[in-house]
Amino acid sequence: MGVEASQSGSRHLKKAVITVSLLFLAGLLIWLASRPDSAPQLMPEMVRFNPDEVYRLALMDGGDVAVSLLRSDSGWKLKGEGAEGEQQDADADAVQHLLDDLASMKIVRVVTRNPEHYEKLRVTTGSVRLLLKSKRGDTLLDLSVGKQGSDLISTYLRLADRPEVLAVDRTLLWQVRRPQQEWKASVSPDVAASGVDGVNEPYSEAR
């Protein structure tokens, strides 16, 4: 009798362990299915453009144009603040680096297609909207730049009218978050000391 009771108890214990294991597995599968990066990996097409055709680059934060860059015959110009903001020489290398990254970036994965995750990934509120236009005014690229990926070498972004949040193989956040003054072209010490255009011109006593 004791042996039968022991065997019966052992069977009940095994059933309980199996039941708990199955419940845990089911919960794990549900959790995995609800993660932002669980969307089907049907890769959309990335918008392609020629960096040489970009005439205007605008970075908007919260709907306001924080940085506006215009191509000129001599390179790039940074538009100052306000409607009548004065144009200044921009750091052409910084602009070209960003354009090259945008033109060559590749999709690593589709993070989510669920709008409920947009806020968490910062591709709505708190994101920087980047807009590239041609000289004719055509839109070449329109996207929201979100958080940096957990691998520290990718960036989350969402193309203007598409539902997918994408992870791309470029670190874009530090570039689009540069404040306006850091887009200005730096003046070399030699130029500053030479007094070009009367700036820092050495004092010369009239004789």
N, C-alpha and C. Protein backbone atom coordinates (compact mmCIF):
# COMPACT_ATOMS: atom_id res chain seq x y z
N MET A 1 0.83 -1.20 0.00
CA MET A 1 0.00 0.00 0.00
C MET A 1 0.86 1.25 0.00
N GLY A 2 1.90 1.22 0.85
CA GLY A 2 2.80 2.36 0.92
C GLY A 2 3.54 2.57 -0.38
N VAL A 3 3.91 1.45 -1.05
CA VAL A 3 4.63 1.55 -2.32
C VAL A 3 3.72 2.18 -3.37
N GLU A 4 2.45 1.73 -3.42
CA GLU A 4 1.51 2.28 -4.40
C GLU A 4 1.28 3.77 -4.16
N ALA A 5 1.16 4.15 -2.88
CA ALA A 5 0.95 5.57 -2.55
C ALA A 5 2.15 6.40 -2.97
N SER A 6 3.34 5.81 -2.78
CA SER A 6 4.57 6.53 -3.16
C SER A 6 4.64 6.71 -4.67
N GLN A 7 4.30 5.65 -5.42
CA GLN A 7 4.31 5.74 -6.89
C GLN A 7 3.27 6.73 -7.39
N SER A 8 2.09 6.71 -6.73
CA SER A 8 1.02 7.64 -7.13
C SER A 8 1.45 9.08 -6.87
N GLY A 9 2.09 9.29 -5.74
CA GLY A 9 2.57 10.63 -5.42
C GLY A 9 3.62 11.10 -6.40
N SER A 10 4.47 10.16 -6.81
CA SER A 10 5.53 10.49 -7.77
C SER A 10 4.93 10.87 -9.12
N ARG A 11 3.88 10.13 -9.53
CA ARG A 11 3.22 10.46 -10.79
C ARG A 11 2.58 11.83 -10.73
N HIS A 12 1.92 12.14 -9.61
CA HIS A 12 1.29 13.46 -9.45
C HIS A 12 2.34 14.58 -9.50
N LEU A 13 3.49 14.31 -8.89
CA LEU A 13 4.56 15.30 -8.87
C LEU A 13 5.08 15.55 -10.29
N LYS A 14 5.27 14.46 -11.05
CA LYS A 14 5.74 14.59 -12.43
C LYS A 14 4.74 15.38 -13.27
N LYS A 15 3.45 15.08 -13.08
CA LYS A 15 2.42 15.80 -13.82
C LYS A 15 2.44 17.29 -13.48
N ALA A 16 2.63 17.57 -12.19
CA ALA A 16 2.65 18.96 -11.74
C ALA A 16 3.86 19.69 -12.35
N VAL A 17 5.02 19.01 -12.37
CA VAL A 17 6.22 19.61 -12.95
C VAL A 17 6.04 19.87 -14.44
N ILE A 18 5.44 18.88 -15.13
CA ILE A 18 5.20 19.04 -16.58
C ILE A 18 4.23 20.18 -16.83
N THR A 19 3.17 20.27 -16.01
CA THR A 19 2.18 21.33 -16.18
C THR A 19 2.81 22.71 -15.98
N VAL A 20 3.60 22.84 -14.90
CA VAL A 20 4.26 24.11 -14.62
C VAL A 20 5.23 24.48 -15.75
N SER A 21 5.95 23.47 -16.25
CA SER A 21 6.90 23.71 -17.34
C SER A 21 6.19 24.19 -18.60
N LEU A 22 5.05 23.55 -18.91
CA LEU A 22 4.29 23.94 -20.09
C LEU A 22 3.73 25.35 -19.94
N LEU A 23 3.26 25.68 -18.72
CA LEU A 23 2.75 27.02 -18.48
C LEU A 23 3.86 28.07 -18.62
N PHE A 24 5.03 27.73 -18.10
CA PHE A 24 6.18 28.65 -18.21
C PHE A 24 6.56 28.85 -19.68
N LEU A 25 6.58 27.75 -20.44
CA LEU A 25 6.93 27.84 -21.86
C LEU A 25 5.91 28.67 -22.62
N ALA A 26 4.64 28.47 -22.30
CA ALA A 26 3.59 29.24 -22.97
C ALA A 26 3.73 30.73 -22.65
N GLY A 27 4.02 31.02 -21.37
CA GLY A 27 4.22 32.42 -20.98
C GLY A 27 5.41 33.04 -21.67
N LEU A 28 6.49 32.25 -21.81
CA LEU A 28 7.69 32.74 -22.48
C LEU A 28 7.40 33.05 -23.94
N LEU A 29 6.65 32.17 -24.60
CA LEU A 29 6.31 32.39 -26.00
C LEU A 29 5.44 33.63 -26.18
N ILE A 30 4.51 33.84 -25.26
CA ILE A 30 3.65 35.03 -25.32
C ILE A 30 4.49 36.29 -25.13
N TRP A 31 5.45 36.24 -24.18
CA TRP A 31 6.32 37.39 -23.93
C TRP A 31 7.19 37.70 -25.15
N LEU A 32 7.73 36.66 -25.74
CA LEU A 32 8.57 36.86 -26.93
C LEU A 32 7.76 37.44 -28.08
N ALA A 33 6.53 36.99 -28.20
CA ALA A 33 5.68 37.48 -29.29
C ALA A 33 5.29 38.93 -29.10
N SER A 34 5.30 39.40 -27.84
CA SER A 34 4.90 40.78 -27.58
C SER A 34 6.05 41.75 -27.59
N ARG A 35 7.29 41.28 -27.73
CA ARG A 35 8.45 42.16 -27.76
C ARG A 35 8.45 43.00 -29.04
N PRO A 36 9.00 44.25 -28.96
CA PRO A 36 9.03 45.10 -30.15
C PRO A 36 9.77 44.50 -31.32
N ASP A 37 10.80 43.68 -31.04
CA ASP A 37 11.60 43.15 -32.13
C ASP A 37 11.13 41.80 -32.63
N SER A 38 9.85 41.47 -32.29
CA SER A 38 9.34 40.16 -32.68
C SER A 38 8.58 40.19 -34.00
N ALA A 39 8.53 41.37 -34.64
CA ALA A 39 7.78 41.49 -35.89
C ALA A 39 8.39 40.60 -36.97
N PRO A 40 7.56 40.12 -37.90
CA PRO A 40 8.08 39.32 -39.00
C PRO A 40 9.18 40.05 -39.75
N GLN A 41 10.24 39.36 -40.09
CA GLN A 41 11.39 40.00 -40.69
C GLN A 41 11.27 40.11 -42.21
N LEU A 42 10.16 40.67 -42.66
CA LEU A 42 9.99 40.98 -44.08
C LEU A 42 10.59 42.35 -44.31
N MET A 43 11.77 42.38 -44.92
CA MET A 43 12.52 43.62 -45.02
C MET A 43 11.91 44.56 -46.06
N PRO A 44 11.59 45.80 -45.67
CA PRO A 44 11.13 46.77 -46.65
C PRO A 44 12.31 47.32 -47.45
N GLU A 45 12.01 48.04 -48.49
CA GLU A 45 13.05 48.67 -49.29
C GLU A 45 13.51 49.96 -48.61
N MET A 46 14.82 50.15 -48.55
CA MET A 46 15.35 51.40 -48.02
C MET A 46 15.34 52.46 -49.13
N VAL A 47 14.97 53.68 -48.76
CA VAL A 47 14.97 54.77 -49.74
C VAL A 47 16.41 55.12 -50.10
N ARG A 48 16.71 55.14 -51.38
CA ARG A 48 18.06 55.44 -51.84
C ARG A 48 18.10 56.81 -52.52
N PHE A 49 19.21 57.49 -52.37
CA PHE A 49 19.38 58.80 -52.98
C PHE A 49 20.87 59.04 -53.23
N ASN A 50 21.15 60.01 -54.08
CA ASN A 50 22.52 60.39 -54.39
C ASN A 50 22.88 61.60 -53.51
N PRO A 51 23.90 61.48 -52.64
CA PRO A 51 24.26 62.61 -51.78
C PRO A 51 24.54 63.89 -52.56
N ASP A 52 25.03 63.76 -53.79
CA ASP A 52 25.35 64.95 -54.59
C ASP A 52 24.10 65.70 -55.03
N GLU A 53 22.94 65.06 -54.95
CA GLU A 53 21.69 65.71 -55.36
C GLU A 53 21.00 66.43 -54.20
N VAL A 54 21.54 66.26 -52.99
CA VAL A 54 20.92 66.90 -51.83
C VAL A 54 21.28 68.38 -51.83
N TYR A 55 20.24 69.22 -51.80
CA TYR A 55 20.44 70.67 -51.79
C TYR A 55 20.15 71.25 -50.41
N ARG A 56 19.20 70.65 -49.70
CA ARG A 56 18.84 71.15 -48.37
C ARG A 56 18.75 69.99 -47.39
N LEU A 57 19.30 70.20 -46.20
CA LEU A 57 19.22 69.23 -45.12
C LEU A 57 18.62 69.95 -43.91
N ALA A 58 17.50 69.46 -43.43
CA ALA A 58 16.84 70.08 -42.28
C ALA A 58 16.69 69.05 -41.16
N LEU A 59 17.01 69.48 -39.95
CA LEU A 59 16.83 68.66 -38.76
C LEU A 59 15.82 69.36 -37.88
N MET A 60 14.69 68.69 -37.62
CA MET A 60 13.61 69.29 -36.85
C MET A 60 13.40 68.55 -35.55
N ASP A 61 13.34 69.32 -34.48
CA ASP A 61 13.14 68.75 -33.15
C ASP A 61 11.86 69.32 -32.57
N GLY A 62 10.86 68.47 -32.38
CA GLY A 62 9.60 68.96 -31.85
C GLY A 62 8.83 69.84 -32.81
N GLY A 63 9.05 69.67 -34.12
CA GLY A 63 8.33 70.46 -35.11
C GLY A 63 9.06 71.71 -35.54
N ASP A 64 10.03 72.17 -34.74
CA ASP A 64 10.80 73.36 -35.10
C ASP A 64 12.06 72.95 -35.86
N VAL A 65 12.43 73.78 -36.84
CA VAL A 65 13.66 73.51 -37.59
C VAL A 65 14.84 73.95 -36.74
N ALA A 66 15.56 72.97 -36.19
CA ALA A 66 16.68 73.28 -35.32
C ALA A 66 17.93 73.59 -36.12
N VAL A 67 18.11 72.87 -37.24
CA VAL A 67 19.29 73.06 -38.09
C VAL A 67 18.83 73.05 -39.54
N SER A 68 19.26 74.04 -40.30
CA SER A 68 18.94 74.10 -41.71
C SER A 68 20.23 74.35 -42.48
N LEU A 69 20.58 73.42 -43.36
CA LEU A 69 21.82 73.49 -44.13
C LEU A 69 21.50 73.54 -45.62
N LEU A 70 22.17 74.43 -46.34
CA LEU A 70 21.93 74.61 -47.76
C LEU A 70 23.24 74.45 -48.52
N ARG A 71 23.17 73.74 -49.64
CA ARG A 71 24.36 73.58 -50.47
C ARG A 71 24.62 74.88 -51.24
N SER A 72 25.87 75.24 -51.34
CA SER A 72 26.26 76.43 -52.10
C SER A 72 27.39 76.07 -53.04
N ASP A 73 27.79 77.02 -53.88
CA ASP A 73 28.88 76.76 -54.82
C ASP A 73 30.19 76.46 -54.10
N SER A 74 30.33 77.03 -52.89
CA SER A 74 31.58 76.86 -52.15
C SER A 74 31.52 75.75 -51.10
N GLY A 75 30.38 75.08 -50.98
CA GLY A 75 30.27 74.03 -49.97
C GLY A 75 28.88 73.99 -49.37
N TRP A 76 28.79 74.19 -48.04
CA TRP A 76 27.50 74.18 -47.34
C TRP A 76 27.38 75.42 -46.48
N LYS A 77 26.16 75.92 -46.38
CA LYS A 77 25.87 77.08 -45.55
C LYS A 77 24.90 76.69 -44.45
N LEU A 78 25.12 77.24 -43.28
CA LEU A 78 24.25 77.01 -42.13
C LEU A 78 23.40 78.25 -41.93
N LYS A 79 22.09 78.07 -42.01
CA LYS A 79 21.18 79.20 -41.83
C LYS A 79 21.06 79.52 -40.35
N GLY A 80 21.22 80.78 -40.00
CA GLY A 80 21.11 81.21 -38.61
C GLY A 80 19.67 81.13 -38.11
N GLU A 81 19.49 81.39 -36.83
CA GLU A 81 18.16 81.32 -36.23
C GLU A 81 17.30 82.49 -36.68
N GLY A 82 15.99 82.26 -36.71
CA GLY A 82 15.06 83.31 -37.10
C GLY A 82 14.81 83.33 -38.59
N ALA A 83 13.75 84.04 -38.99
CA ALA A 83 13.35 84.08 -40.40
C ALA A 83 14.42 84.72 -41.27
N GLU A 84 15.13 85.70 -40.72
CA GLU A 84 16.15 86.40 -41.49
C GLU A 84 17.55 85.97 -41.04
N GLY A 85 17.65 84.74 -40.59
CA GLY A 85 18.92 84.26 -40.07
C GLY A 85 20.04 84.33 -41.11
N GLU A 86 21.17 84.85 -40.69
CA GLU A 86 22.31 84.99 -41.59
C GLU A 86 22.92 83.63 -41.89
N GLN A 87 23.33 83.43 -43.12
CA GLN A 87 23.97 82.18 -43.51
C GLN A 87 25.46 82.23 -43.18
N GLN A 88 25.94 81.13 -42.59
CA GLN A 88 27.35 81.02 -42.23
C GLN A 88 27.92 79.77 -42.87
N ASP A 89 29.23 79.75 -43.03
CA ASP A 89 29.87 78.55 -43.57
C ASP A 89 29.66 77.39 -42.61
N ALA A 90 29.28 76.24 -43.17
CA ALA A 90 29.04 75.04 -42.36
C ALA A 90 30.22 74.08 -42.48
N ASP A 91 30.28 73.16 -41.54
CA ASP A 91 31.32 72.13 -41.55
C ASP A 91 30.97 71.11 -42.64
N ALA A 92 31.57 71.28 -43.81
CA ALA A 92 31.24 70.44 -44.97
C ALA A 92 31.53 68.97 -44.71
N ASP A 93 32.59 68.68 -43.95
CA ASP A 93 32.94 67.28 -43.66
C ASP A 93 31.86 66.61 -42.82
N ALA A 94 31.32 67.35 -41.84
CA ALA A 94 30.27 66.79 -40.98
C ALA A 94 29.01 66.53 -41.79
N VAL A 95 28.66 67.46 -42.69
CA VAL A 95 27.48 67.28 -43.53
C VAL A 95 27.66 66.07 -44.45
N GLN A 96 28.83 65.98 -45.07
CA GLN A 96 29.09 64.88 -46.00
C GLN A 96 29.09 63.54 -45.29
N HIS A 97 29.63 63.50 -44.07
CA HIS A 97 29.65 62.26 -43.31
C HIS A 97 28.24 61.76 -43.03
N LEU A 98 27.36 62.69 -42.63
CA LEU A 98 25.97 62.31 -42.37
C LEU A 98 25.28 61.84 -43.65
N LEU A 99 25.47 62.57 -44.74
CA LEU A 99 24.84 62.18 -46.00
C LEU A 99 25.33 60.81 -46.48
N ASP A 100 26.63 60.56 -46.35
CA ASP A 100 27.18 59.27 -46.77
C ASP A 100 26.60 58.14 -45.93
N ASP A 101 26.47 58.36 -44.61
CA ASP A 101 25.89 57.34 -43.74
C ASP A 101 24.45 57.06 -44.12
N LEU A 102 23.69 58.10 -44.40
CA LEU A 102 22.28 57.94 -44.76
C LEU A 102 22.13 57.22 -46.11
N ALA A 103 23.02 57.54 -47.04
CA ALA A 103 22.93 56.95 -48.37
C ALA A 103 23.35 55.49 -48.39
N SER A 104 24.25 55.10 -47.48
CA SER A 104 24.79 53.73 -47.51
C SER A 104 24.23 52.83 -46.42
N MET A 105 23.40 53.35 -45.51
CA MET A 105 22.92 52.53 -44.39
C MET A 105 22.09 51.35 -44.89
N LYS A 106 22.18 50.25 -44.13
CA LYS A 106 21.45 49.04 -44.46
C LYS A 106 20.56 48.64 -43.29
N ILE A 107 19.45 48.02 -43.62
CA ILE A 107 18.52 47.57 -42.58
C ILE A 107 19.06 46.31 -41.93
N VAL A 108 19.20 46.34 -40.61
CA VAL A 108 19.62 45.17 -39.85
C VAL A 108 18.43 44.28 -39.56
N ARG A 109 17.33 44.90 -39.14
CA ARG A 109 16.12 44.14 -38.84
C ARG A 109 14.94 45.09 -38.72
N VAL A 110 13.75 44.53 -38.81
CA VAL A 110 12.53 45.27 -38.52
C VAL A 110 12.28 45.12 -37.02
N VAL A 111 12.26 46.23 -36.31
CA VAL A 111 12.11 46.19 -34.85
C VAL A 111 10.65 45.96 -34.47
N THR A 112 9.75 46.71 -35.09
CA THR A 112 8.33 46.56 -34.80
C THR A 112 7.51 47.23 -35.88
N ARG A 113 6.25 46.81 -35.98
CA ARG A 113 5.28 47.50 -36.83
C ARG A 113 4.12 48.00 -35.97
N ASN A 114 4.28 47.90 -34.68
CA ASN A 114 3.21 48.24 -33.73
C ASN A 114 3.38 49.68 -33.25
N PRO A 115 2.43 50.58 -33.56
CA PRO A 115 2.54 51.98 -33.14
C PRO A 115 2.65 52.15 -31.63
N GLU A 116 2.20 51.17 -30.86
CA GLU A 116 2.28 51.28 -29.41
C GLU A 116 3.73 51.32 -28.91
N HIS A 117 4.66 50.87 -29.73
CA HIS A 117 6.07 50.85 -29.33
C HIS A 117 6.85 52.07 -29.85
N TYR A 118 6.19 52.94 -30.63
CA TYR A 118 6.89 54.08 -31.20
C TYR A 118 7.46 54.99 -30.11
N GLU A 119 6.66 55.24 -29.08
CA GLU A 119 7.10 56.15 -28.02
C GLU A 119 8.32 55.60 -27.30
N LYS A 120 8.31 54.32 -27.01
CA LYS A 120 9.43 53.70 -26.31
C LYS A 120 10.71 53.78 -27.14
N LEU A 121 10.58 53.64 -28.44
CA LEU A 121 11.75 53.67 -29.32
C LEU A 121 12.07 55.09 -29.79
N ARG A 122 11.25 56.06 -29.36
CA ARG A 122 11.47 57.48 -29.63
C ARG A 122 11.51 57.82 -31.12
N VAL A 123 10.55 57.27 -31.83
CA VAL A 123 10.41 57.63 -33.24
C VAL A 123 9.17 58.50 -33.45
N THR A 124 8.64 59.05 -32.36
CA THR A 124 7.56 60.05 -32.45
C THR A 124 8.00 61.23 -31.59
N THR A 125 7.42 61.36 -30.40
CA THR A 125 7.81 62.42 -29.47
C THR A 125 9.25 62.19 -29.00
N GLY A 126 10.04 63.24 -29.05
CA GLY A 126 11.42 63.11 -28.62
C GLY A 126 12.38 62.70 -29.70
N SER A 127 11.85 62.47 -30.91
CA SER A 127 12.72 62.08 -32.02
C SER A 127 13.14 63.31 -32.80
N VAL A 128 14.14 63.13 -33.63
CA VAL A 128 14.57 64.18 -34.54
C VAL A 128 14.10 63.78 -35.94
N ARG A 129 13.38 64.67 -36.58
CA ARG A 129 12.95 64.41 -37.95
C ARG A 129 14.01 64.96 -38.90
N LEU A 130 14.44 64.15 -39.83
CA LEU A 130 15.46 64.54 -40.80
C LEU A 130 14.82 64.59 -42.18
N LEU A 131 15.07 65.68 -42.87
CA LEU A 131 14.46 65.89 -44.19
C LEU A 131 15.54 66.32 -45.18
N LEU A 132 15.63 65.60 -46.30
CA LEU A 132 16.55 65.95 -47.37
C LEU A 132 15.74 66.33 -48.60
N LYS A 133 16.12 67.45 -49.23
CA LYS A 133 15.41 67.90 -50.42
C LYS A 133 16.40 68.20 -51.55
N SER A 134 15.92 68.03 -52.76
CA SER A 134 16.72 68.35 -53.94
C SER A 134 16.59 69.85 -54.23
N LYS A 135 17.32 70.32 -55.23
CA LYS A 135 17.26 71.74 -55.59
C LYS A 135 15.88 72.11 -56.10
N ARG A 136 15.17 71.17 -56.71
CA ARG A 136 13.83 71.43 -57.22
C ARG A 136 12.77 71.38 -56.12
N GLY A 137 13.18 70.95 -54.92
CA GLY A 137 12.24 70.87 -53.82
C GLY A 137 11.66 69.49 -53.60
N ASP A 138 12.11 68.51 -54.38
CA ASP A 138 11.62 67.14 -54.20
C ASP A 138 12.20 66.55 -52.91
N THR A 139 11.38 65.77 -52.20
CA THR A 139 11.84 65.11 -50.98
C THR A 139 12.62 63.86 -51.34
N LEU A 140 13.87 63.81 -50.93
CA LEU A 140 14.73 62.65 -51.18
C LEU A 140 14.69 61.66 -50.03
N LEU A 141 14.52 62.16 -48.81
CA LEU A 141 14.47 61.31 -47.63
C LEU A 141 13.75 62.05 -46.52
N ASP A 142 12.86 61.34 -45.84
CA ASP A 142 12.10 61.92 -44.73
C ASP A 142 11.97 60.83 -43.67
N LEU A 143 12.62 61.02 -42.53
CA LEU A 143 12.57 59.97 -41.51
C LEU A 143 12.70 60.56 -40.11
N SER A 144 12.29 59.76 -39.13
CA SER A 144 12.45 60.10 -37.72
C SER A 144 13.55 59.23 -37.14
N VAL A 145 14.52 59.87 -36.50
CA VAL A 145 15.64 59.15 -35.91
C VAL A 145 15.35 58.94 -34.43
N GLY A 146 15.31 57.67 -34.01
CA GLY A 146 14.98 57.35 -32.63
C GLY A 146 16.20 57.01 -31.80
N LYS A 147 16.05 56.06 -30.92
CA LYS A 147 17.11 55.69 -29.98
C LYS A 147 18.25 54.95 -30.68
N GLN A 148 19.38 54.95 -30.01
CA GLN A 148 20.48 54.12 -30.47
C GLN A 148 20.19 52.69 -30.05
N GLY A 149 20.58 51.73 -30.89
CA GLY A 149 20.33 50.33 -30.59
C GLY A 149 21.12 49.86 -29.39
N SER A 150 20.68 48.79 -28.78
CA SER A 150 21.35 48.25 -27.59
C SER A 150 22.75 47.74 -27.90
N ASP A 151 23.04 47.48 -29.20
CA ASP A 151 24.39 47.04 -29.58
C ASP A 151 25.35 48.22 -29.74
N LEU A 152 24.83 49.44 -29.61
CA LEU A 152 25.61 50.69 -29.67
C LEU A 152 26.15 51.02 -31.06
N ILE A 153 25.85 50.21 -32.05
CA ILE A 153 26.33 50.49 -33.41
C ILE A 153 25.18 50.58 -34.40
N SER A 154 23.96 50.53 -33.93
CA SER A 154 22.80 50.65 -34.81
C SER A 154 21.89 51.76 -34.29
N THR A 155 20.96 52.18 -35.13
CA THR A 155 20.03 53.24 -34.78
C THR A 155 18.63 52.84 -35.20
N TYR A 156 17.64 53.16 -34.35
CA TYR A 156 16.25 52.93 -34.69
C TYR A 156 15.73 54.14 -35.47
N LEU A 157 15.00 53.90 -36.54
CA LEU A 157 14.40 55.00 -37.28
C LEU A 157 13.12 54.54 -37.94
N ARG A 158 12.32 55.53 -38.34
CA ARG A 158 11.06 55.23 -39.04
C ARG A 158 10.93 56.17 -40.22
N LEU A 159 10.76 55.60 -41.40
CA LEU A 159 10.55 56.40 -42.60
C LEU A 159 9.17 57.04 -42.55
N ALA A 160 9.08 58.23 -43.08
CA ALA A 160 7.94 59.14 -42.92
C ALA A 160 6.57 58.48 -42.79
N ASP A 161 6.10 57.80 -43.84
CA ASP A 161 4.73 57.29 -43.84
C ASP A 161 4.67 55.77 -43.73
N ARG A 162 5.73 55.17 -43.23
CA ARG A 162 5.74 53.72 -43.11
C ARG A 162 5.55 53.29 -41.65
N PRO A 163 4.94 52.14 -41.43
CA PRO A 163 4.68 51.71 -40.05
C PRO A 163 5.89 51.07 -39.37
N GLU A 164 6.87 50.60 -40.16
CA GLU A 164 7.97 49.85 -39.56
C GLU A 164 8.98 50.76 -38.85
N VAL A 165 9.41 50.31 -37.67
CA VAL A 165 10.59 50.89 -37.04
C VAL A 165 11.75 49.98 -37.42
N LEU A 166 12.78 50.56 -38.00
CA LEU A 166 13.91 49.79 -38.52
C LEU A 166 15.15 50.02 -37.67
N ALA A 167 15.97 49.00 -37.57
CA ALA A 167 17.31 49.16 -37.01
C ALA A 167 18.27 49.17 -38.19
N VAL A 168 19.07 50.23 -38.30
CA VAL A 168 20.02 50.35 -39.41
C VAL A 168 21.44 50.31 -38.86
N ASP A 169 22.37 49.98 -39.73
CA ASP A 169 23.75 49.74 -39.31
C ASP A 169 24.61 51.00 -39.27
N ARG A 170 24.07 52.08 -38.77
CA ARG A 170 24.82 53.32 -38.64
C ARG A 170 24.49 53.98 -37.30
N THR A 171 25.46 54.68 -36.73
CA THR A 171 25.22 55.44 -35.49
C THR A 171 24.88 56.87 -35.89
N LEU A 172 23.59 57.16 -35.98
CA LEU A 172 23.11 58.44 -36.49
C LEU A 172 22.76 59.44 -35.39
N LEU A 173 22.44 58.95 -34.20
CA LEU A 173 21.87 59.82 -33.18
C LEU A 173 22.81 60.97 -32.81
N TRP A 174 24.08 60.67 -32.61
CA TRP A 174 25.01 61.72 -32.20
C TRP A 174 25.17 62.77 -33.31
N GLN A 175 24.97 62.36 -34.56
CA GLN A 175 25.11 63.31 -35.66
C GLN A 175 23.91 64.24 -35.75
N VAL A 176 22.71 63.70 -35.68
CA VAL A 176 21.52 64.54 -35.84
C VAL A 176 21.22 65.36 -34.58
N ARG A 177 21.82 64.97 -33.46
CA ARG A 177 21.61 65.71 -32.21
C ARG A 177 22.65 66.82 -32.00
N ARG A 178 23.55 67.00 -32.95
CA ARG A 178 24.55 68.06 -32.80
C ARG A 178 23.85 69.41 -32.73
N PRO A 179 24.18 70.24 -31.74
CA PRO A 179 23.57 71.58 -31.69
C PRO A 179 24.02 72.45 -32.85
N GLN A 180 23.27 73.50 -33.10
CA GLN A 180 23.52 74.34 -34.27
C GLN A 180 24.96 74.84 -34.34
N GLN A 181 25.50 75.28 -33.22
CA GLN A 181 26.84 75.87 -33.26
C GLN A 181 27.92 74.86 -33.66
N GLU A 182 27.65 73.57 -33.46
CA GLU A 182 28.64 72.56 -33.82
C GLU A 182 28.59 72.20 -35.30
N TRP A 183 27.66 72.80 -36.04
CA TRP A 183 27.62 72.61 -37.50
C TRP A 183 28.40 73.70 -38.20
N LYS A 184 28.85 74.69 -37.47
CA LYS A 184 29.59 75.78 -38.09
C LYS A 184 30.98 75.32 -38.48
N ALA A 185 31.47 75.88 -39.59
CA ALA A 185 32.83 75.57 -40.01
C ALA A 185 33.81 76.18 -39.03
N SER A 186 34.82 75.43 -38.67
CA SER A 186 35.82 75.95 -37.75
C SER A 186 36.82 76.81 -38.52
N VAL A 187 37.28 77.86 -37.88
CA VAL A 187 38.27 78.75 -38.50
C VAL A 187 39.64 78.31 -38.04
N SER A 188 40.51 78.02 -38.99
CA SER A 188 41.85 77.56 -38.63
C SER A 188 42.63 78.68 -37.97
N PRO A 189 43.56 78.36 -37.08
CA PRO A 189 44.36 79.39 -36.40
C PRO A 189 45.09 80.29 -37.39
N ASP A 190 45.55 79.73 -38.52
CA ASP A 190 46.29 80.52 -39.50
C ASP A 190 45.40 81.60 -40.11
N VAL A 191 44.13 81.20 -40.42
CA VAL A 191 43.19 82.16 -41.00
C VAL A 191 42.82 83.23 -39.99
N ALA A 192 42.60 82.81 -38.75
CA ALA A 192 42.22 83.76 -37.72
C ALA A 192 43.32 84.78 -37.47
N ALA A 193 44.58 84.31 -37.50
CA ALA A 193 45.70 85.20 -37.23
C ALA A 193 46.01 86.12 -38.39
N SER A 194 45.57 85.73 -39.60
CA SER A 194 45.91 86.53 -40.78
C SER A 194 45.06 87.77 -40.92
N GLY A 195 43.94 87.80 -40.17
CA GLY A 195 43.08 88.98 -40.25
C GLY A 195 42.31 89.04 -41.54
N VAL A 196 41.85 87.91 -42.05
CA VAL A 196 41.07 87.89 -43.29
C VAL A 196 39.77 88.65 -43.09
N ASP A 197 39.41 89.46 -44.09
CA ASP A 197 38.18 90.27 -44.06
C ASP A 197 38.18 91.24 -42.90
N GLY A 198 39.35 91.62 -42.42
CA GLY A 198 39.42 92.61 -41.36
C GLY A 198 39.22 92.07 -39.98
N VAL A 199 38.94 90.76 -39.86
CA VAL A 199 38.75 90.16 -38.55
C VAL A 199 40.10 89.87 -37.94
N ASN A 200 40.32 90.31 -36.71
CA ASN A 200 41.59 90.13 -36.02
C ASN A 200 42.77 90.70 -36.82
N GLU A 201 42.49 91.75 -37.56
CA GLU A 201 43.57 92.35 -38.36
C GLU A 201 44.60 92.98 -37.43
N PRO A 202 45.90 92.70 -37.62
CA PRO A 202 46.93 93.26 -36.74
C PRO A 202 46.91 94.77 -36.78
N TYR A 203 47.09 95.36 -35.61
CA TYR A 203 47.09 96.83 -35.50
C TYR A 203 48.32 97.39 -36.20
N SER A 204 48.11 98.37 -37.05
CA SER A 204 49.24 99.01 -37.69
C SER A 204 49.13 100.52 -37.49
N GLU A 205 50.13 101.08 -36.89
CA GLU A 205 50.09 102.50 -36.59
C GLU A 205 50.36 103.32 -37.86
N ALA A 206 49.53 104.33 -38.08
CA ALA A 206 49.72 105.20 -39.25
C ALA A 206 50.98 106.01 -39.09
N ARG A 207 51.77 106.06 -40.15
CA ARG A 207 53.02 106.79 -40.07
C ARG A 207 53.01 107.94 -41.06
